PDB file of N, CA and C in Angstrom:
ATOM      1  N   GLN A   1     174.720 105.674 274.624  1.00  0.00           N
ATOM      2  CA  GLN A   1     175.246 105.235 273.269  1.00  0.00           C
ATOM      3  C   GLN A   1     174.463 104.164 272.663  1.00  0.00           C
ATOM      4  N   VAL A   2     173.913 104.373 271.461  1.00  0.00           N
ATOM      5  CA  VAL A   2     172.958 103.369 270.851  1.00  0.00           C
ATOM      6  C   VAL A   2     173.858 102.403 270.172  1.00  0.00           C
ATOM      7  N   GLN A   3     173.416 101.259 270.365  1.00  0.00           N
ATOM      8  CA  GLN A   3     174.074  99.984 269.824  1.00  0.00           C
ATOM      9  C   GLN A   3     172.957  99.038 269.228  1.00  0.00           C
ATOM     10  N   LEU A   4     173.185  98.507 268.177  1.00  0.00           N
ATOM     11  CA  LEU A   4     172.552  97.367 267.596  1.00  0.00           C
ATOM     12  C   LEU A   4     173.416  96.305 267.280  1.00  0.00           C
ATOM     13  N   VAL A   5     173.157  95.114 267.766  1.00  0.00           N
ATOM     14  CA  VAL A   5     174.108  94.062 267.700  1.00  0.00           C
ATOM     15  C   VAL A   5     173.180  92.881 267.055  1.00  0.00           C
ATOM     16  N   GLU A   6     173.694  92.441 265.584  1.00  0.00           N
ATOM     17  CA  GLU A   6     172.972  91.418 265.099  1.00  0.00           C
ATOM     18  C   GLU A   6     173.896  90.079 265.420  1.00  0.00           C
ATOM     19  N   SER A   7     172.982  88.884 265.238  1.00  0.00           N
ATOM     20  CA  SER A   7     173.480  87.793 265.521  1.00  0.00           C
ATOM     21  C   SER A   7     172.477  86.820 264.778  1.00  0.00           C
ATOM     22  N   GLY A   8     173.112  85.535 264.492  1.00  0.00           N
ATOM     23  CA  GLY A   8     172.424  84.401 263.824  1.00  0.00           C
ATOM     24  C   GLY A   8     172.827  84.056 262.631  1.00  0.00           C
ATOM     25  N   GLY A   9     173.688  84.811 262.003  1.00  0.00           N
ATOM     26  CA  GLY A   9     174.188  84.586 260.755  1.00  0.00           C
ATOM     27  C   GLY A   9     175.097  83.204 260.702  1.00  0.00           C
ATOM     28  N   GLY A  10     175.437  82.875 259.441  1.00  0.00           N
ATOM     29  CA  GLY A  10     176.276  81.590 259.517  1.00  0.00           C
ATOM     30  C   GLY A  10     176.107  81.029 257.964  1.00  0.00           C
ATOM     31  N   LEU A  11     176.511  79.746 257.847  1.00  0.00           N
ATOM     32  CA  LEU A  11     176.367  79.056 256.697  1.00  0.00           C
ATOM     33  C   LEU A  11     175.266  78.095 256.725  1.00  0.00           C
ATOM     34  N   VAL A  12     174.525  78.150 255.528  1.00  0.00           N
ATOM     35  CA  VAL A  12     173.355  77.154 255.615  1.00  0.00           C
ATOM     36  C   VAL A  12     173.238  76.524 254.281  1.00  0.00           C
ATOM     37  N   GLN A  13     172.621  75.646 254.021  1.00  0.00           N
ATOM     38  CA  GLN A  13     172.396  74.907 252.651  1.00  0.00           C
ATOM     39  C   GLN A  13     171.209  75.531 252.129  1.00  0.00           C
ATOM     40  N   PRO A  14     171.287  75.391 250.804  1.00  0.00           N
ATOM     41  CA  PRO A  14     170.000  75.941 250.188  1.00  0.00           C
ATOM     42  C   PRO A  14     168.752  75.014 250.618  1.00  0.00           C
ATOM     43  N   GLY A  15     167.727  76.023 250.754  1.00  0.00           N
ATOM     44  CA  GLY A  15     166.422  75.266 251.300  1.00  0.00           C
ATOM     45  C   GLY A  15     166.504  75.326 252.938  1.00  0.00           C
ATOM     46  N   GLY A  16     167.496  75.732 253.563  1.00  0.00           N
ATOM     47  CA  GLY A  16     167.652  75.756 255.084  1.00  0.00           C
ATOM     48  C   GLY A  16     166.985  77.027 255.659  1.00  0.00           C
ATOM     49  N   SER A  17     167.144  77.254 256.930  1.00  0.00           N
ATOM     50  CA  SER A  17     166.724  78.267 257.515  1.00  0.00           C
ATOM     51  C   SER A  17     167.523  78.874 258.500  1.00  0.00           C
ATOM     52  N   LEU A  18     167.418  80.238 258.645  1.00  0.00           N
ATOM     53  CA  LEU A  18     168.186  80.875 259.837  1.00  0.00           C
ATOM     54  C   LEU A  18     167.462  81.903 260.427  1.00  0.00           C
ATOM     55  N   ARG A  19     167.503  82.254 261.636  1.00  0.00           N
ATOM     56  CA  ARG A  19     167.114  83.429 262.273  1.00  0.00           C
ATOM     57  C   ARG A  19     167.864  84.370 262.826  1.00  0.00           C
ATOM     58  N   LEU A  20     167.882  85.626 262.249  1.00  0.00           N
ATOM     59  CA  LEU A  20     168.691  86.597 262.712  1.00  0.00           C
ATOM     60  C   LEU A  20     167.972  87.446 263.727  1.00  0.00           C
ATOM     61  N   SER A  21     168.897  87.819 264.729  1.00  0.00           N
ATOM     62  CA  SER A  21     168.428  88.699 265.755  1.00  0.00           C
ATOM     63  C   SER A  21     169.137  90.001 265.868  1.00  0.00           C
ATOM     64  N   CYS A  22     168.452  91.086 266.251  1.00  0.00           N
ATOM     65  CA  CYS A  22     169.139  92.302 266.362  1.00  0.00           C
ATOM     66  C   CYS A  22     168.668  92.905 267.782  1.00  0.00           C
ATOM     67  N   ALA A  23     169.740  93.223 268.682  1.00  0.00           N
ATOM     68  CA  ALA A  23     169.458  93.327 270.035  1.00  0.00           C
ATOM     69  C   ALA A  23     169.891  94.906 270.084  1.00  0.00           C
ATOM     70  N   GLY A  24     168.781  95.755 270.631  1.00  0.00           N
ATOM     71  CA  GLY A  24     169.242  97.224 270.565  1.00  0.00           C
ATOM     72  C   GLY A  24     169.273  97.582 272.010  1.00  0.00           C
ATOM     73  N   SER A  25     170.173  98.557 272.333  1.00  0.00           N
ATOM     74  CA  SER A  25     170.433  99.083 273.715  1.00  0.00           C
ATOM     75  C   SER A  25     170.776 100.671 273.378  1.00  0.00           C
ATOM     76  N   GLY A  26     170.567 101.332 274.498  1.00  0.00           N
ATOM     77  CA  GLY A  26     170.732 102.930 274.447  1.00  0.00           C
ATOM     78  C   GLY A  26     169.592 103.713 273.675  1.00  0.00           C
ATOM     79  N   LEU A  27     168.548 103.042 273.371  1.00  0.00           N
ATOM     80  CA  LEU A  27     167.487 103.779 272.706  1.00  0.00           C
ATOM     81  C   LEU A  27     166.142 103.344 273.142  1.00  0.00           C
ATOM     82  N   SER A  28     165.068 104.052 272.945  1.00  0.00           N
ATOM     83  CA  SER A  28     163.657 103.682 273.534  1.00  0.00           C
ATOM     84  C   SER A  28     163.201 102.728 272.305  1.00  0.00           C
ATOM     85  N   PHE A  29     163.503 101.581 272.395  1.00  0.00           N
ATOM     86  CA  PHE A  29     163.055 100.674 271.165  1.00  0.00           C
ATOM     87  C   PHE A  29     161.837 100.812 270.652  1.00  0.00           C
ATOM     88  N   THR A  30     160.912 101.012 271.614  1.00  0.00           N
ATOM     89  CA  THR A  30     159.478 100.933 271.372  1.00  0.00           C
ATOM     90  C   THR A  30     159.111 101.991 270.130  1.00  0.00           C
ATOM     91  N   TYR A  31     160.055 103.013 270.222  1.00  0.00           N
ATOM     92  CA  TYR A  31     159.612 104.174 269.242  1.00  0.00           C
ATOM     93  C   TYR A  31     160.446 104.308 268.034  1.00  0.00           C
ATOM     94  N   TYR A  32     161.047 103.065 267.671  1.00  0.00           N
ATOM     95  CA  TYR A  32     161.888 102.960 266.476  1.00  0.00           C
ATOM     96  C   TYR A  32     161.182 101.887 265.469  1.00  0.00           C
ATOM     97  N   PHE A  33     161.065 102.353 264.147  1.00  0.00           N
ATOM     98  CA  PHE A  33     160.912 101.325 263.359  1.00  0.00           C
ATOM     99  C   PHE A  33     162.150 100.503 263.000  1.00  0.00           C
ATOM    100  N   MET A  34     161.972  99.283 262.852  1.00  0.00           N
ATOM    101  CA  MET A  34     163.061  98.354 262.551  1.00  0.00           C
ATOM    102  C   MET A  34     163.114  97.803 261.238  1.00  0.00           C
ATOM    103  N   SER A  35     164.241  97.643 260.638  1.00  0.00           N
ATOM    104  CA  SER A  35     164.301  97.303 259.164  1.00  0.00           C
ATOM    105  C   SER A  35     165.549  96.357 259.166  1.00  0.00           C
ATOM    106  N   TRP A  36     165.539  95.406 258.180  1.00  0.00           N
ATOM    107  CA  TRP A  36     166.718  94.582 257.815  1.00  0.00           C
ATOM    108  C   TRP A  36     167.056  94.910 256.359  1.00  0.00           C
ATOM    109  N   TYR A  37     168.363  95.146 256.157  1.00  0.00           N
ATOM    110  CA  TYR A  37     168.905  95.351 254.808  1.00  0.00           C
ATOM    111  C   TYR A  37     169.999  94.254 254.558  1.00  0.00           C
ATOM    112  N   ARG A  38     170.384  94.071 253.316  1.00  0.00           N
ATOM    113  CA  ARG A  38     171.337  93.197 253.016  1.00  0.00           C
ATOM    114  C   ARG A  38     172.289  93.916 251.984  1.00  0.00           C
ATOM    115  N   GLN A  39     173.506  93.447 251.862  1.00  0.00           N
ATOM    116  CA  GLN A  39     174.459  94.034 250.958  1.00  0.00           C
ATOM    117  C   GLN A  39     175.559  92.917 250.545  1.00  0.00           C
ATOM    118  N   VAL A  40     175.723  92.958 249.275  1.00  0.00           N
ATOM    119  CA  VAL A  40     176.619  92.048 248.669  1.00  0.00           C
ATOM    120  C   VAL A  40     177.800  92.950 247.825  1.00  0.00           C
ATOM    121  N   PRO A  41     179.046  92.349 247.918  1.00  0.00           N
ATOM    122  CA  PRO A  41     180.163  93.285 247.470  1.00  0.00           C
ATOM    123  C   PRO A  41     179.713  93.791 246.079  1.00  0.00           C
ATOM    124  N   GLY A  42     180.022  95.028 245.819  1.00  0.00           N
ATOM    125  CA  GLY A  42     179.884  95.686 244.596  1.00  0.00           C
ATOM    126  C   GLY A  42     178.407  96.178 244.308  1.00  0.00           C
ATOM    127  N   LYS A  43     177.527  95.845 245.131  1.00  0.00           N
ATOM    128  CA  LYS A  43     176.010  96.262 244.997  1.00  0.00           C
ATOM    129  C   LYS A  43     175.683  97.205 246.087  1.00  0.00           C
ATOM    130  N   GLU A  44     174.665  97.884 245.727  1.00  0.00           N
ATOM    131  CA  GLU A  44     174.017  98.749 246.902  1.00  0.00           C
ATOM    132  C   GLU A  44     173.332  97.854 247.952  1.00  0.00           C
ATOM    133  N   ARG A  45     173.219  98.630 249.013  1.00  0.00           N
ATOM    134  CA  ARG A  45     172.542  97.909 250.268  1.00  0.00           C
ATOM    135  C   ARG A  45     170.908  97.942 249.864  1.00  0.00           C
ATOM    136  N   GLU A  46     170.266  96.828 250.207  1.00  0.00           N
ATOM    137  CA  GLU A  46     168.859  96.774 249.668  1.00  0.00           C
ATOM    138  C   GLU A  46     167.998  96.436 250.943  1.00  0.00           C
ATOM    139  N   LEU A  47     166.794  97.123 250.877  1.00  0.00           N
ATOM    140  CA  LEU A  47     166.000  96.836 252.003  1.00  0.00           C
ATOM    141  C   LEU A  47     165.336  95.345 251.856  1.00  0.00           C
ATOM    142  N   VAL A  48     165.344  94.674 252.926  1.00  0.00           N
ATOM    143  CA  VAL A  48     164.711  93.293 252.976  1.00  0.00           C
ATOM    144  C   VAL A  48     163.379  93.385 253.480  1.00  0.00           C
ATOM    145  N   ALA A  49     163.226  94.009 254.610  1.00  0.00           N
ATOM    146  CA  ALA A  49     161.982  93.854 255.437  1.00  0.00           C
ATOM    147  C   ALA A  49     161.963  95.036 256.496  1.00  0.00           C
ATOM    148  N   ARG A  50     160.952  95.388 256.680  1.00  0.00           N
ATOM    149  CA  ARG A  50     160.719  96.484 257.815  1.00  0.00           C
ATOM    150  C   ARG A  50     159.477  96.309 258.488  1.00  0.00           C
ATOM    151  N   ILE A  51     159.425  96.800 259.665  1.00  0.00           N
ATOM    152  CA  ILE A  51     158.258  96.548 260.585  1.00  0.00           C
ATOM    153  C   ILE A  51     158.296  98.033 261.550  1.00  0.00           C
ATOM    154  N   SER A  52     156.910  98.192 261.694  1.00  0.00           N
ATOM    155  CA  SER A  52     156.496  99.496 262.403  1.00  0.00           C
ATOM    156  C   SER A  52     157.056  99.242 263.953  1.00  0.00           C
ATOM    157  N   SER A  53     156.870 100.244 264.669  1.00  0.00           N
ATOM    158  CA  SER A  53     157.159 100.337 266.049  1.00  0.00           C
ATOM    159  C   SER A  53     156.302  99.405 266.830  1.00  0.00           C
ATOM    160  N   THR A  54     154.980  99.262 266.294  1.00  0.00           N
ATOM    161  CA  THR A  54     154.137  98.484 267.119  1.00  0.00           C
ATOM    162  C   THR A  54     154.048  97.009 266.610  1.00  0.00           C
ATOM    163  N   GLY A  55     154.659  96.583 265.498  1.00  0.00           N
ATOM    164  CA  GLY A  55     154.807  95.319 264.931  1.00  0.00           C
ATOM    165  C   GLY A  55     153.887  95.163 263.871  1.00  0.00           C
ATOM    166  N   GLU A  56     153.029  96.017 263.531  1.00  0.00           N
ATOM    167  CA  GLU A  56     152.280  96.072 262.384  1.00  0.00           C
ATOM    168  C   GLU A  56     152.052  97.603 261.787  1.00  0.00           C
ATOM    169  N   PRO A  57     152.344  97.809 260.566  1.00  0.00           N
ATOM    170  CA  PRO A  57     152.349  96.778 259.528  1.00  0.00           C
ATOM    171  C   PRO A  57     153.676  96.367 259.238  1.00  0.00           C
ATOM    172  N   THR A  58     153.951  95.360 258.245  1.00  0.00           N
ATOM    173  CA  THR A  58     155.280  95.080 257.741  1.00  0.00           C
ATOM    174  C   THR A  58     155.392  95.192 256.270  1.00  0.00           C
ATOM    175  N   ASP A  59     156.508  94.994 255.826  1.00  0.00           N
ATOM    176  CA  ASP A  59     156.821  95.275 254.443  1.00  0.00           C
ATOM    177  C   ASP A  59     157.958  94.560 253.991  1.00  0.00           C
ATOM    178  N   TYR A  60     157.894  93.741 252.785  1.00  0.00           N
ATOM    179  CA  TYR A  60     159.120  92.963 252.425  1.00  0.00           C
ATOM    180  C   TYR A  60     159.299  93.313 250.878  1.00  0.00           C
ATOM    181  N   ALA A  61     160.663  92.979 250.651  1.00  0.00           N
ATOM    182  CA  ALA A  61     161.202  92.938 249.223  1.00  0.00           C
ATOM    183  C   ALA A  61     160.420  91.840 248.410  1.00  0.00           C
ATOM    184  N   ASP A  62     160.272  92.009 247.301  1.00  0.00           N
ATOM    185  CA  ASP A  62     159.477  91.073 246.444  1.00  0.00           C
ATOM    186  C   ASP A  62     160.236  89.657 246.443  1.00  0.00           C
ATOM    187  N   SER A  63     161.569  89.733 246.536  1.00  0.00           N
ATOM    188  CA  SER A  63     162.578  88.617 246.400  1.00  0.00           C
ATOM    189  C   SER A  63     162.276  87.841 247.590  1.00  0.00           C
ATOM    190  N   VAL A  64     161.891  88.181 248.809  1.00  0.00           N
ATOM    191  CA  VAL A  64     161.759  87.400 250.055  1.00  0.00           C
ATOM    192  C   VAL A  64     160.415  87.201 250.449  1.00  0.00           C
ATOM    193  N   VAL A  65     159.194  87.617 249.897  1.00  0.00           N
ATOM    194  CA  VAL A  65     157.945  87.485 250.098  1.00  0.00           C
ATOM    195  C   VAL A  65     157.572  86.091 250.187  1.00  0.00           C
ATOM    196  N   GLY A  66     157.039  85.622 251.338  1.00  0.00           N
ATOM    197  CA  GLY A  66     156.647  84.188 251.579  1.00  0.00           C
ATOM    198  C   GLY A  66     157.686  83.340 252.091  1.00  0.00           C
ATOM    199  N   ARG A  67     158.981  83.827 252.206  1.00  0.00           N
ATOM    200  CA  ARG A  67     160.048  83.127 252.798  1.00  0.00           C
ATOM    201  C   ARG A  67     160.528  83.706 254.021  1.00  0.00           C
ATOM    202  N   PHE A  68     160.706  85.045 254.086  1.00  0.00           N
ATOM    203  CA  PHE A  68     161.281  85.720 255.274  1.00  0.00           C
ATOM    204  C   PHE A  68     160.174  86.309 256.043  1.00  0.00           C
ATOM    205  N   THR A  69     160.219  86.432 257.332  1.00  0.00           N
ATOM    206  CA  THR A  69     159.269  86.934 258.176  1.00  0.00           C
ATOM    207  C   THR A  69     159.956  87.910 259.214  1.00  0.00           C
ATOM    208  N   ILE A  70     159.713  89.126 259.406  1.00  0.00           N
ATOM    209  CA  ILE A  70     160.186  90.061 260.330  1.00  0.00           C
ATOM    210  C   ILE A  70     159.367  90.308 261.445  1.00  0.00           C
ATOM    211  N   SER A  71     159.885  90.271 262.636  1.00  0.00           N
ATOM    212  CA  SER A  71     159.081  90.422 264.086  1.00  0.00           C
ATOM    213  C   SER A  71     159.969  91.229 264.833  1.00  0.00           C
ATOM    214  N   ARG A  72     159.260  91.508 265.983  1.00  0.00           N
ATOM    215  CA  ARG A  72     159.849  92.246 267.098  1.00  0.00           C
ATOM    216  C   ARG A  72     159.243  91.887 268.389  1.00  0.00           C
ATOM    217  N   ASP A  73     160.196  92.080 269.437  1.00  0.00           N
ATOM    218  CA  ASP A  73     159.815  91.909 270.763  1.00  0.00           C
ATOM    219  C   ASP A  73     160.193  93.162 271.481  1.00  0.00           C
ATOM    220  N   ASN A  74     159.356  94.014 271.752  1.00  0.00           N
ATOM    221  CA  ASN A  74     159.748  95.225 272.339  1.00  0.00           C
ATOM    222  C   ASN A  74     159.975  95.183 273.781  1.00  0.00           C
ATOM    223  N   ALA A  75     159.575  94.055 274.493  1.00  0.00           N
ATOM    224  CA  ALA A  75     160.078  93.741 275.837  1.00  0.00           C
ATOM    225  C   ALA A  75     161.420  93.498 276.039  1.00  0.00           C
ATOM    226  N   LYS A  76     161.925  92.699 274.877  1.00  0.00           N
ATOM    227  CA  LYS A  76     163.487  92.403 274.837  1.00  0.00           C
ATOM    228  C   LYS A  76     164.198  93.353 274.059  1.00  0.00           C
ATOM    229  N   ASN A  77     163.776  94.444 273.502  1.00  0.00           N
ATOM    230  CA  ASN A  77     164.426  95.263 272.579  1.00  0.00           C
ATOM    231  C   ASN A  77     165.040  94.556 271.528  1.00  0.00           C
ATOM    232  N   THR A  78     164.441  93.649 270.975  1.00  0.00           N
ATOM    233  CA  THR A  78     164.903  92.891 269.701  1.00  0.00           C
ATOM    234  C   THR A  78     164.095  92.722 268.655  1.00  0.00           C
ATOM    235  N   ALA A  79     164.704  92.823 267.494  1.00  0.00           N
ATOM    236  CA  ALA A  79     164.058  92.441 266.198  1.00  0.00           C
ATOM    237  C   ALA A  79     164.692  91.140 265.626  1.00  0.00           C
ATOM    238  N   TYR A  80     163.816  90.566 264.861  1.00  0.00           N
ATOM    239  CA  TYR A  80     164.063  89.341 264.389  1.00  0.00           C
ATOM    240  C   TYR A  80     163.881  89.277 262.809  1.00  0.00           C
ATOM    241  N   LEU A  81     164.568  88.342 262.254  1.00  0.00           N
ATOM    242  CA  LEU A  81     164.431  88.194 260.740  1.00  0.00           C
ATOM    243  C   LEU A  81     164.505  86.731 260.639  1.00  0.00           C
ATOM    244  N   GLN A  82     163.277  85.956 260.476  1.00  0.00           N
ATOM    245  CA  GLN A  82     163.099  84.560 260.199  1.00  0.00           C
ATOM    246  C   GLN A  82     163.308  84.225 258.616  1.00  0.00           C
ATOM    247  N   MET A  83     164.267  83.286 258.280  1.00  0.00           N
ATOM    248  CA  MET A  83     164.563  83.221 256.850  1.00  0.00           C
ATOM    249  C   MET A  83     164.390  81.897 256.558  1.00  0.00           C
ATOM    250  N   ASN A  84     163.530  81.258 255.795  1.00  0.00           N
ATOM    251  CA  ASN A  84     163.263  80.054 255.359  1.00  0.00           C
ATOM    252  C   ASN A  84     163.489  79.913 253.898  1.00  0.00           C
ATOM    253  N   SER A  85     163.755  78.657 253.559  1.00  0.00           N
ATOM    254  CA  SER A  85     163.650  78.317 252.032  1.00  0.00           C
ATOM    255  C   SER A  85     164.781  79.101 251.395  1.00  0.00           C
ATOM    256  N   LEU A  86     165.998  79.174 252.144  1.00  0.00           N
ATOM    257  CA  LEU A  86     167.122  80.010 251.520  1.00  0.00           C
ATOM    258  C   LEU A  86     167.608  79.537 250.401  1.00  0.00           C
ATOM    259  N   LYS A  87     167.931  80.794 249.470  1.00  0.00           N
ATOM    260  CA  LYS A  87     168.572  80.486 248.295  1.00  0.00           C
ATOM    261  C   LYS A  87     170.020  81.059 248.283  1.00  0.00           C
ATOM    262  N   PRO A  88     170.767  80.399 247.295  1.00  0.00           N
ATOM    263  CA  PRO A  88     172.251  81.117 247.227  1.00  0.00           C
ATOM    264  C   PRO A  88     172.242  82.464 246.865  1.00  0.00           C
ATOM    265  N   GLU A  89     171.301  83.102 246.186  1.00  0.00           N
ATOM    266  CA  GLU A  89     171.090  84.549 246.046  1.00  0.00           C
ATOM    267  C   GLU A  89     170.931  85.367 247.271  1.00  0.00           C
ATOM    268  N   ASP A  90     170.468  84.729 248.288  1.00  0.00           N
ATOM    269  CA  ASP A  90     170.269  85.319 249.668  1.00  0.00           C
ATOM    270  C   ASP A  90     171.606  85.469 250.430  1.00  0.00           C
ATOM    271  N   THR A  91     172.712  84.950 249.881  1.00  0.00           N
ATOM    272  CA  THR A  91     173.950  85.253 250.432  1.00  0.00           C
ATOM    273  C   THR A  91     174.362  86.821 250.374  1.00  0.00           C
ATOM    274  N   ALA A  92     174.608  87.325 251.701  1.00  0.00           N
ATOM    275  CA  ALA A  92     174.997  88.670 251.893  1.00  0.00           C
ATOM    276  C   ALA A  92     175.372  88.900 253.223  1.00  0.00           C
ATOM    277  N   VAL A  93     175.889  90.208 253.635  1.00  0.00           N
ATOM    278  CA  VAL A  93     175.857  90.719 255.013  1.00  0.00           C
ATOM    279  C   VAL A  93     174.545  91.432 255.192  1.00  0.00           C
ATOM    280  N   TYR A  94     173.810  90.925 256.388  1.00  0.00           N
ATOM    281  CA  TYR A  94     172.532  91.542 256.751  1.00  0.00           C
ATOM    282  C   TYR A  94     172.689  92.405 257.987  1.00  0.00           C
ATOM    283  N   TYR A  95     172.113  93.541 257.802  1.00  0.00           N
ATOM    284  CA  TYR A  95     172.245  94.743 258.530  1.00  0.00           C
ATOM    285  C   TYR A  95     170.877  94.862 259.227  1.00  0.00           C
ATOM    286  N   CYS A  96     170.827  95.204 260.463  1.00  0.00           N
ATOM    287  CA  CYS A  96     169.614  95.869 260.968  1.00  0.00           C
ATOM    288  C   CYS A  96     169.809  97.427 261.274  1.00  0.00           C
ATOM    289  N   CYS A  97     168.647  98.082 261.012  1.00  0.00           N
ATOM    290  CA  CYS A  97     168.704  99.653 261.273  1.00  0.00           C
ATOM    291  C   CYS A  97     167.380  99.949 262.035  1.00  0.00           C
ATOM    292  N   ALA A  98     167.493 100.868 262.875  1.00  0.00           N
ATOM    293  CA  ALA A  98     166.524 101.503 263.448  1.00  0.00           C
ATOM    294  C   ALA A  98     166.282 102.960 263.296  1.00  0.00           C
ATOM    295  N   ILE A  99     165.067 103.319 262.864  1.00  0.00           N
ATOM    296  CA  ILE A  99     164.889 104.566 262.591  1.00  0.00           C
ATOM    297  C   ILE A  99     163.883 105.295 263.528  1.00  0.00           C
ATOM    298  N   GLY A 100     164.141 106.294 264.173  1.00  0.00           N
ATOM    299  CA  GLY A 100     163.372 107.056 265.118  1.00  0.00           C
ATOM    300  C   GLY A 100     161.826 107.295 264.511  1.00  0.00           C
ATOM    301  N   ARG A 101     161.020 107.059 265.101  1.00  0.00           N
ATOM    302  CA  ARG A 101     159.549 107.171 264.807  1.00  0.00           C
ATOM    303  C   ARG A 101     159.229 108.675 264.316  1.00  0.00           C
ATOM    304  N   TRP A 102     159.776 109.634 265.204  1.00  0.00           N
ATOM    305  CA  TRP A 102     159.582 110.949 264.964  1.00  0.00           C
ATOM    306  C   TRP A 102     160.848 111.864 264.510  1.00  0.00           C
ATOM    307  N   SER A 103     161.980 111.260 264.789  1.00  0.00           N
ATOM    308  CA  SER A 103     163.196 112.000 264.625  1.00  0.00           C
ATOM    309  C   SER A 103     163.645 111.696 263.395  1.00  0.00           C
ATOM    310  N   GLY A 104     163.605 110.463 262.835  1.00  0.00           N
ATOM    311  CA  GLY A 104     164.087 110.124 261.646  1.00  0.00           C
ATOM    312  C   GLY A 104     165.559 109.599 261.795  1.00  0.00           C
ATOM    313  N   GLN A 105     165.982 109.613 262.906  1.00  0.00           N
ATOM    314  CA  GLN A 105     167.544 109.343 263.261  1.00  0.00           C
ATOM    315  C   GLN A 105     167.628 107.843 263.001  1.00  0.00           C
ATOM    316  N   ALA A 106     168.668 107.462 262.259  1.00  0.00           N
ATOM    317  CA  ALA A 106     168.936 106.186 261.894  1.00  0.00           C
ATOM    318  C   ALA A 106     170.191 105.612 262.524  1.00  0.00           C
ATOM    319  N   TYR A 107     170.130 104.410 262.995  1.00  0.00           N
ATOM    320  CA  TYR A 107     171.097 103.684 263.485  1.00  0.00           C
ATOM    321  C   TYR A 107     171.512 102.457 263.007  1.00  0.00           C
ATOM    322  N   TRP A 108     172.575 101.983 262.759  1.00  0.00           N
ATOM    323  CA  TRP A 108     172.983 100.689 262.050  1.00  0.00           C
ATOM    324  C   TRP A 108     173.663  99.755 263.027  1.00  0.00           C
ATOM    325  N   GLY A 109     173.470  98.347 262.760  1.00  0.00           N
ATOM    326  CA  GLY A 109     174.362  97.377 263.419  1.00  0.00           C
ATOM    327  C   GLY A 109     175.433  97.274 262.636  1.00  0.00           C
ATOM    328  N   GLN A 110     176.342  96.254 262.994  1.00  0.00           N
ATOM    329  CA  GLN A 110     177.782  95.954 262.269  1.00  0.00           C
ATOM    330  C   GLN A 110     177.632  94.896 261.222  1.00  0.00           C
ATOM    331  N   GLY A 111     176.509  94.310 261.200  1.00  0.00           N
ATOM    332  CA  GLY A 111     176.166  93.278 260.131  1.00  0.00           C
ATOM    333  C   GLY A 111     176.524  91.852 260.525  1.00  0.00           C
ATOM    334  N   THR A 112     175.782  90.986 259.822  1.00  0.00           N
ATOM    335  CA  THR A 112     176.076  89.654 260.075  1.00  0.00           C
ATOM    336  C   THR A 112     176.066  88.931 258.722  1.00  0.00           C
ATOM    337  N   GLN A 113     177.105  87.941 258.612  1.00  0.00           N
ATOM    338  CA  GLN A 113     177.160  87.391 257.374  1.00  0.00           C
ATOM    339  C   GLN A 113     176.371  86.017 257.202  1.00  0.00           C
ATOM    340  N   VAL A 114     175.455  86.032 256.027  1.00  0.00           N
ATOM    341  CA  VAL A 114     174.777  84.976 255.726  1.00  0.00           C
ATOM    342  C   VAL A 114     175.200  84.331 254.519  1.00  0.00           C
ATOM    343  N   THR A 115     175.495  82.952 254.314  1.00  0.00           N
ATOM    344  CA  THR A 115     176.039  82.463 253.079  1.00  0.00           C
ATOM    345  C   THR A 115     175.297  81.160 252.858  1.00  0.00           C
ATOM    346  N   VAL A 116     174.725  81.032 251.790  1.00  0.00           N
ATOM    347  CA  VAL A 116     173.766  79.884 251.486  1.00  0.00           C
ATOM    348  C   VAL A 116     174.340  79.178 250.327  1.00  0.00           C
ATOM    349  N   SER A 117     174.857  77.968 250.703  1.00  0.00           N
ATOM    350  CA  SER A 117     175.736  77.331 249.719  1.00  0.00           C
ATOM    351  C   SER A 117     175.703  75.788 250.128  1.00  0.00           C
ATOM    352  N   SER A 118     175.882  74.919 249.130  1.00  0.00           N
ATOM    353  CA  SER A 118     175.960  73.450 249.416  1.00  0.00           C
ATOM    354  C   SER A 118     177.484  73.049 249.460  1.00  0.00           C
TER     355      SER A 118
END
């Protein structure tokens, strides 16, 4: 059974930082592309960042370029999203997603809430 478990969300002041983690189990993590998405109520889920199975290349939404960094540690079956210079508009539920490199099968985590507010 594939599981993706996000952690690291919380309440942070504008300008602060958070690091989200996504721990995978039940899958050959090395063979999955990893992505982070976010969603606010009433809006579609949007892609924030993605990373290939090997760690390069990476890709980011324009709104987070220069502030967020996606990375992964295949030895730990974990993907990360380092978020710096957070803004109130970054407030959302953040989800990690694993997509099979060849199968295209997608798995989702349960989401973690990030709230940026003073």
